[in-house]
Amino acid sequence: MPRLALILLLLGLVAPARRLSADSVILAAVADTFIAESFPDRNYGAAAFLNGGTTQSFTTNRGLLRFDPAAVIPAGSKILSATLVLEVTKHPSDPDAPWNSAFFGLHRLLRDWGEGDNFATKPNSGTPAGTNEANWTHRFALTGATWGVPGGQAGVDYVSSPSATKWVYESGVPASFNSTPALAGDVQAWLDDSGTNFGWMLIVQNETTDLTARRFGSRESGFDAPFLEVTFQPPPPIEFVALVNGLLNLAFTPLTNYVHQVQSRTNLQTGAWQPLANIGPFATSTRVVIVDTVGAAQKYYRLVLP
C-alpha cells in the first residue's frame, strides 16, 4: 500500500469534538507610505506619518497600506468583519483658508508597490525614491514598474469603487473605516491567496476640493499607528483519521449554519487545493465522516469555511 503522508492543517492534531467560537485579532500594518503629486520623485516609506487628500494648492496625496492576515489568522477561516482605524494627526492650519472635511475611501490595490525606507518630517523634506521604492510616478522607482498613470489608475492599479469610506474630520478624531462586505471580502481574499495582497490605496473621494489634506499616523509613529481589527470564524478541527478497508476516513463536527469544504492536494507547498466534499450547513451539531481513496504516494488535507 502506498505511503500516506497526512497533515491535518488548522489545529494540526486529532482533537476532541467541540464547538469553536468566532475570534478577533488586531493586525499592525506590515507596510505603509504615501505618494505626493507635489514631490513626484520622493519616497516616504519610513516617515512617522502618511498623507492623504488635496492640499490648498490643489495637489494630491494618496496613502498606501498593507496588512498580512495570512500570518496570523488560521487558513480556511471565514472573515466575518474587518475595521481599519487611522489616527488623524494633523489637518490644514492656514487661518485664511478653512480646512474642509471629506470622505476618504479605501481602494483595494491590484498591483504591488515598494514601501521604501526614506524619512521625512514633512513632505518637502523627503528624499528621492531609491530602487524599488514607491513614489508618485512609479510603483517601484528606477525600474519600468510605473503606475498606470501618475498617482495610480482606477481599474489598473486599484479597484475604482472603495471597499469602505469614512468622513474624516480634524486631527485628534480617529478615522474608523467600519466593516463592509467589500472590506471583509478584501481580507478574505488576502487570507485565501496571499499572492494577491497588495493592500489598500487611501484616496479622498473628491480630489478637486482643496484643503482636504490630512496627516495620518504611520506604522512608524508608535501610538498613532494604523491597525486592522478582524473578526473571523476558524474552521473546526479534524477529530480523527482512520484507514478502513483501504479507504481514508476523516471525521469532524461541523459548525452549525456554515458550509464546510474538505480539500486535498498531493504537494503541501504548491498546487491548487482540490475540493473533496462540501458539507452543510447544519442546524444542529452532527459528526460527519468523509471518505477518500488512497491512491497517491502522499496526500494533504485541510478543512475550510468557503
Protein backbone atom coordinates (compact mmCIF):
# COMPACT_ATOMS: atom_id res chain seq x y z
CA MET A 1 0.00 0.00 0.00
CA PRO A 2 1.46 3.42 -0.88
CA ARG A 3 2.72 5.58 1.93
CA LEU A 4 0.10 8.11 3.05
CA ALA A 5 1.58 11.36 4.36
CA LEU A 6 -1.31 13.16 6.05
CA ILE A 7 -1.04 16.65 7.53
CA LEU A 8 -4.06 17.93 9.39
CA LEU A 9 -3.90 21.67 8.84
CA LEU A 10 -5.54 24.28 11.06
CA LEU A 11 -5.15 22.76 14.55
CA GLY A 12 -2.84 20.09 13.25
CA LEU A 13 -3.78 17.37 15.76
CA VAL A 14 -6.53 14.88 16.38
CA ALA A 15 -8.78 16.71 18.84
CA PRO A 16 -11.98 16.03 20.77
CA ALA A 17 -15.23 17.28 19.31
CA ARG A 18 -16.02 20.83 20.37
CA ARG A 19 -17.66 24.00 19.15
CA LEU A 20 -15.40 26.83 18.07
CA SER A 21 -16.48 30.44 18.53
CA ALA A 22 -15.54 33.46 16.48
CA ASP A 23 -12.27 35.12 17.36
CA SER A 24 -10.79 38.60 16.89
CA VAL A 25 -7.29 39.82 16.19
CA ILE A 26 -5.63 43.23 15.88
CA LEU A 27 -3.23 43.48 12.94
CA ALA A 28 -0.48 46.07 12.60
CA ALA A 29 0.45 47.31 9.14
CA VAL A 30 3.36 45.47 7.54
CA ALA A 31 3.98 48.30 5.05
CA ASP A 32 2.74 51.87 4.56
CA THR A 33 3.76 55.06 2.84
CA PHE A 34 2.22 57.82 0.74
CA ILE A 35 2.80 59.30 -2.69
CA ALA A 36 2.72 63.05 -3.30
CA GLU A 37 1.88 64.85 -6.54
CA SER A 38 3.88 67.90 -5.38
CA PHE A 39 7.04 65.82 -4.96
CA PRO A 40 6.64 63.08 -7.56
CA ASP A 41 10.13 61.60 -7.23
CA ARG A 42 10.19 61.29 -3.42
CA ASN A 43 9.51 58.37 -1.13
CA TYR A 44 8.28 58.49 2.48
CA GLY A 45 8.34 54.83 3.48
CA ALA A 46 9.97 55.36 6.89
CA ALA A 47 8.18 58.61 7.79
CA ALA A 48 6.17 58.68 11.01
CA PHE A 49 3.09 59.78 9.06
CA LEU A 50 1.27 59.23 5.81
CA ASN A 51 -0.65 61.90 3.94
CA GLY A 52 -3.88 61.75 2.01
CA GLY A 53 -6.20 64.30 0.42
CA THR A 54 -5.86 67.52 -1.57
CA THR A 55 -3.78 70.49 -0.45
CA GLN A 56 -4.64 74.20 -0.68
CA SER A 57 -2.56 74.21 -3.90
CA PHE A 58 -4.86 71.54 -5.39
CA THR A 59 -2.14 68.88 -5.38
CA THR A 60 -2.99 65.37 -4.26
CA ASN A 61 -1.59 62.89 -1.76
CA ARG A 62 -2.55 59.20 -1.63
CA GLY A 63 -1.75 56.69 1.10
CA LEU A 64 -0.66 53.07 0.67
CA LEU A 65 -1.21 50.46 3.39
CA ARG A 66 -0.78 46.70 3.60
CA PHE A 67 -1.63 44.18 6.34
CA ASP A 68 -0.92 40.43 6.42
CA PRO A 69 -3.92 38.44 7.70
CA ALA A 70 -2.43 35.15 6.50
CA ALA A 71 0.41 35.50 9.02
CA VAL A 72 -1.99 35.45 11.99
CA ILE A 73 -5.40 34.03 11.02
CA PRO A 74 -5.72 30.25 10.54
CA ALA A 75 -6.02 29.13 6.93
CA GLY A 76 -9.55 28.21 5.95
CA SER A 77 -11.17 30.72 8.33
CA LYS A 78 -14.21 32.76 7.40
CA ILE A 79 -13.72 36.52 7.75
CA LEU A 80 -16.79 37.97 9.48
CA SER A 81 -15.77 41.62 9.76
CA ALA A 82 -12.81 43.96 9.29
CA THR A 83 -12.40 47.53 10.57
CA LEU A 84 -9.44 49.79 9.80
CA VAL A 85 -8.59 52.62 12.20
CA LEU A 86 -6.35 55.53 11.21
CA GLU A 87 -5.31 58.23 13.66
CA VAL A 88 -5.69 61.73 12.19
CA THR A 89 -2.67 63.61 13.48
CA LYS A 90 -2.82 66.89 11.53
CA HIS A 91 -5.20 68.97 9.41
CA PRO A 92 -4.62 72.23 7.42
CA SER A 93 -3.97 75.17 9.71
CA ASP A 94 -3.99 78.20 7.39
CA PRO A 95 -6.27 80.76 9.15
CA ASP A 96 -7.15 82.38 5.83
CA ALA A 97 -8.19 79.08 4.23
CA PRO A 98 -10.51 76.97 6.43
CA TRP A 99 -9.91 73.25 6.11
CA ASN A 100 -12.60 71.00 4.65
CA SER A 101 -13.84 67.67 5.93
CA ALA A 102 -14.28 64.98 3.30
CA PHE A 103 -14.95 61.32 2.61
CA PHE A 104 -11.86 59.17 2.25
CA GLY A 105 -12.03 55.72 0.66
CA LEU A 106 -10.03 52.51 0.89
CA HIS A 107 -9.46 51.10 -2.60
CA ARG A 108 -8.10 47.57 -2.94
CA LEU A 109 -4.81 47.67 -4.83
CA LEU A 110 -4.40 45.43 -7.87
CA ARG A 111 -0.63 45.73 -8.28
CA ASP A 112 2.35 45.62 -5.96
CA TRP A 113 4.43 48.56 -4.72
CA GLY A 114 7.54 49.17 -2.62
CA GLU A 115 7.30 50.80 0.80
CA GLY A 116 10.80 52.27 0.85
CA ASP A 117 12.83 53.47 3.84
CA ASN A 118 13.10 57.25 3.47
CA PHE A 119 12.47 59.50 6.47
CA ALA A 120 10.75 62.89 6.43
CA THR A 121 9.40 65.39 8.93
CA LYS A 122 7.17 66.96 6.27
CA PRO A 123 6.54 66.17 2.58
CA ASN A 124 9.10 68.61 1.19
CA SER A 125 11.83 67.10 3.38
CA GLY A 126 11.59 63.65 1.84
CA THR A 127 14.36 62.21 -0.31
CA PRO A 128 14.21 60.84 -3.86
CA ALA A 129 12.98 57.27 -4.04
CA GLY A 130 15.63 54.60 -4.37
CA THR A 131 15.34 51.45 -6.43
CA ASN A 132 12.02 49.61 -5.87
CA GLU A 133 10.54 52.35 -3.65
CA ALA A 134 7.11 53.84 -4.39
CA ASN A 135 6.64 57.44 -5.47
CA TRP A 136 4.02 59.37 -7.44
CA THR A 137 5.14 58.06 -10.82
CA HIS A 138 6.46 54.59 -10.01
CA ARG A 139 5.28 51.61 -8.02
CA PHE A 140 8.95 50.61 -7.90
CA ALA A 141 11.21 53.59 -8.59
CA LEU A 142 14.15 53.42 -11.00
CA THR A 143 12.54 50.46 -12.77
CA GLY A 144 9.94 50.18 -15.52
CA ALA A 145 7.19 49.46 -12.97
CA THR A 146 5.17 52.68 -13.17
CA TRP A 147 1.62 53.34 -12.05
CA GLY A 148 -0.92 53.19 -14.89
CA VAL A 149 -0.98 56.98 -14.64
CA PRO A 150 0.98 59.08 -12.13
CA GLY A 151 -0.59 58.60 -8.71
CA GLY A 152 -2.35 55.37 -9.72
CA GLN A 153 -5.05 54.46 -12.24
CA ALA A 154 -8.50 53.14 -11.38
CA GLY A 155 -9.12 49.70 -12.82
CA VAL A 156 -5.40 49.18 -13.44
CA ASP A 157 -3.65 49.91 -10.16
CA TYR A 158 -6.64 49.87 -7.81
CA VAL A 159 -10.34 49.00 -7.75
CA SER A 160 -12.37 52.06 -8.70
CA SER A 161 -15.06 51.53 -6.04
CA PRO A 162 -13.90 51.94 -2.45
CA SER A 163 -14.25 48.96 -0.13
CA ALA A 164 -15.16 51.36 2.69
CA THR A 165 -15.41 55.12 3.20
CA LYS A 166 -15.13 57.43 6.19
CA TRP A 167 -15.92 61.10 6.72
CA VAL A 168 -12.65 62.48 8.10
CA TYR A 169 -12.68 65.48 10.44
CA GLU A 170 -9.87 67.30 12.22
CA SER A 171 -6.83 65.91 13.98
CA GLY A 172 -7.48 64.06 17.20
CA VAL A 173 -10.60 62.34 15.83
CA PRO A 174 -9.73 58.79 14.68
CA ALA A 175 -10.94 57.73 11.25
CA SER A 176 -12.58 54.33 11.69
CA PHE A 177 -13.42 52.61 8.41
CA ASN A 178 -16.12 50.29 9.69
CA SER A 179 -16.59 46.83 8.26
CA THR A 180 -18.44 46.39 4.99
CA PRO A 181 -18.92 43.22 2.91
CA ALA A 182 -16.29 44.55 0.47
CA LEU A 183 -13.76 45.35 3.21
CA ALA A 184 -14.17 41.93 4.82
CA GLY A 185 -14.01 40.41 1.33
CA ASP A 186 -10.62 42.05 0.72
CA VAL A 187 -9.23 40.49 3.89
CA GLN A 188 -10.78 37.13 2.98
CA ALA A 189 -9.12 37.23 -0.44
CA TRP A 190 -5.73 38.03 1.11
CA LEU A 191 -6.12 35.22 3.63
CA ASP A 192 -7.04 32.71 0.93
CA ASP A 193 -4.34 33.85 -1.51
CA SER A 194 -1.56 36.00 -0.06
CA GLY A 195 -0.16 36.47 -3.57
CA THR A 196 -3.00 38.91 -4.29
CA ASN A 197 -2.35 41.01 -1.18
CA PHE A 198 -1.22 44.45 -2.32
CA GLY A 199 -3.16 46.34 0.35
CA TRP A 200 -5.28 49.47 0.01
CA MET A 201 -4.82 52.91 -1.50
CA LEU A 202 -6.28 55.70 0.65
CA ILE A 203 -7.92 58.29 -1.62
CA VAL A 204 -10.05 61.32 -0.78
CA GLN A 205 -13.26 60.81 -2.72
CA ASN A 206 -13.40 64.33 -4.18
CA GLU A 207 -9.87 65.26 -5.15
CA THR A 208 -10.99 68.51 -6.80
CA THR A 209 -11.81 70.09 -3.42
CA ASP A 210 -8.81 71.73 -1.80
CA LEU A 211 -7.83 71.72 1.89
CA THR A 212 -8.99 68.15 2.47
CA ALA A 213 -5.38 67.03 3.09
CA ARG A 214 -4.87 65.09 6.32
CA ARG A 215 -1.89 63.59 8.04
CA PHE A 216 -2.38 60.10 9.49
CA GLY A 217 -0.14 58.11 11.78
CA SER A 218 2.01 55.51 10.01
CA ARG A 219 3.33 52.24 11.38
CA GLU A 220 6.50 54.09 12.41
CA SER A 221 4.54 56.56 14.56
CA GLY A 222 4.10 54.36 17.61
CA PHE A 223 0.86 55.04 19.46
CA ASP A 224 -0.76 56.59 16.36
CA ALA A 225 -0.03 53.62 14.08
CA PRO A 226 -2.87 52.23 11.95
CA PHE A 227 -4.45 48.94 12.92
CA LEU A 228 -6.90 46.48 11.40
CA GLU A 229 -9.34 44.66 13.66
CA VAL A 230 -10.58 41.39 12.15
CA THR A 231 -13.25 39.03 13.46
CA PHE A 232 -13.13 35.55 12.00
CA GLN A 233 -14.56 32.09 12.42
CA PRO A 234 -11.88 29.39 12.37
CA PRO A 235 -12.89 26.04 10.93
CA PRO A 236 -13.40 23.09 13.29
CA PRO A 237 -10.58 20.58 13.80
CA ILE A 238 -10.41 17.20 12.10
CA GLU A 239 -11.11 14.91 15.05
CA PHE A 240 -9.79 11.57 13.91
CA VAL A 241 -8.33 9.80 10.90
CA ALA A 242 -8.55 6.08 10.16
CA LEU A 243 -7.88 3.66 7.34
CA VAL A 244 -10.90 1.39 6.88
CA ASN A 245 -10.77 -1.30 4.20
CA GLY A 246 -8.19 0.69 2.27
CA LEU A 247 -10.19 3.92 2.43
CA LEU A 248 -9.23 7.03 4.37
CA ASN A 249 -11.86 8.23 6.83
CA LEU A 250 -11.76 11.84 8.08
CA ALA A 251 -14.18 12.83 10.84
CA PHE A 252 -15.11 16.27 12.12
CA THR A 253 -18.05 18.02 13.73
CA PRO A 254 -19.25 20.89 11.51
CA LEU A 255 -20.14 24.27 12.93
CA THR A 256 -23.85 24.99 12.79
CA ASN A 257 -25.09 27.20 9.96
CA TYR A 258 -21.81 27.09 7.99
CA VAL A 259 -20.84 25.41 4.75
CA HIS A 260 -17.59 23.44 5.10
CA GLN A 261 -15.28 22.17 2.38
CA VAL A 262 -12.74 19.37 2.64
CA GLN A 263 -9.85 19.95 0.23
CA SER A 264 -6.80 17.94 -0.74
CA ARG A 265 -3.65 18.13 -2.85
CA THR A 266 -0.59 15.95 -3.35
CA ASN A 267 2.03 18.60 -2.57
CA LEU A 268 1.92 20.62 0.63
CA GLN A 269 3.64 23.72 -0.73
CA THR A 270 2.38 24.03 -4.32
CA GLY A 271 -0.60 23.25 -6.50
CA ALA A 272 -4.27 24.09 -6.25
CA TRP A 273 -6.33 22.65 -3.42
CA GLN A 274 -8.99 20.38 -4.91
CA PRO A 275 -12.44 20.17 -3.30
CA LEU A 276 -13.23 16.71 -1.98
CA ALA A 277 -16.63 17.42 -0.45
CA ASN A 278 -18.94 20.27 0.53
CA ILE A 279 -20.72 19.75 3.85
CA GLY A 280 -23.56 21.68 5.49
CA PRO A 281 -24.98 23.90 6.59
CA PHE A 282 -26.42 22.01 9.58
CA ALA A 283 -28.93 23.38 12.06
CA THR A 284 -27.52 21.17 14.83
CA SER A 285 -24.08 19.79 15.59
CA THR A 286 -23.57 16.45 13.83
CA ARG A 287 -20.40 14.43 13.35
CA VAL A 288 -19.51 13.87 9.70
CA VAL A 289 -17.17 11.29 8.16
CA ILE A 290 -15.58 11.96 4.77
CA VAL A 291 -14.14 9.01 2.83
CA ASP A 292 -11.36 9.26 0.26
CA THR A 293 -9.43 6.69 -1.73
CA VAL A 294 -5.74 6.15 -1.02
CA GLY A 295 -4.25 6.42 -4.48
CA ALA A 296 -1.31 8.82 -4.20
CA ALA A 297 2.03 8.27 -2.53
CA GLN A 298 1.17 11.24 -0.31
CA LYS A 299 -1.82 13.46 0.13
CA TYR A 300 -2.57 16.51 2.23
CA TYR A 301 -5.96 17.58 3.54
CA ARG A 302 -7.46 20.70 5.04
CA LEU A 303 -10.86 21.89 6.18
CA VAL A 304 -12.02 25.37 5.20
CA LEU A 305 -15.07 27.59 5.52
CA PRO A 306 -15.53 28.76 1.91
